[in-house]
């Protein structure tokens, strides 16, 4: 296989893994039913889609400029980073209702939840970088200054 062909193959393969990773991040893995959460970044809703029927089965409303979505390990909570409010919304997955709003130190980006569900990490878009750490039990946050803007990955 030529070098050019190998680069093309590896590029396509990395795109497939990237898309698969996005899909897996959008699924509450421990929930009984898989759903795909689509943030309507230009709007104020998150659409929840049943992939078996390709139908919207729930709409989370009142979340202006949602950016990222993540889930508690047990699948009961949905965490949304809300750019317009510099906040983190905690949503009950079953009802789709916001149950808590947590103020962040700046414009949020990517979210990661610890395996025990005790903390939510939110990358904040700023220079130098900032990472907000939210305790899920108390809904209190702390700020960690970074040397660069955060680029978070999921284990």
Foldseek 3Di string as FASTA:
>chain_A
DDPVVVVVVVVVVVVVVVVVVQQVQQFLVQDPATWGWADPQQAFWIFIARVVVRDGPDIQGRQHRWAEWGAANNRQWIWTQRQVQCWIFIAGRVHSYTDDIAHHPAGWHDWDADNNRQWIWTWHPDVATKIWIAGVVVRDIDIDGDNHGDDDDYD
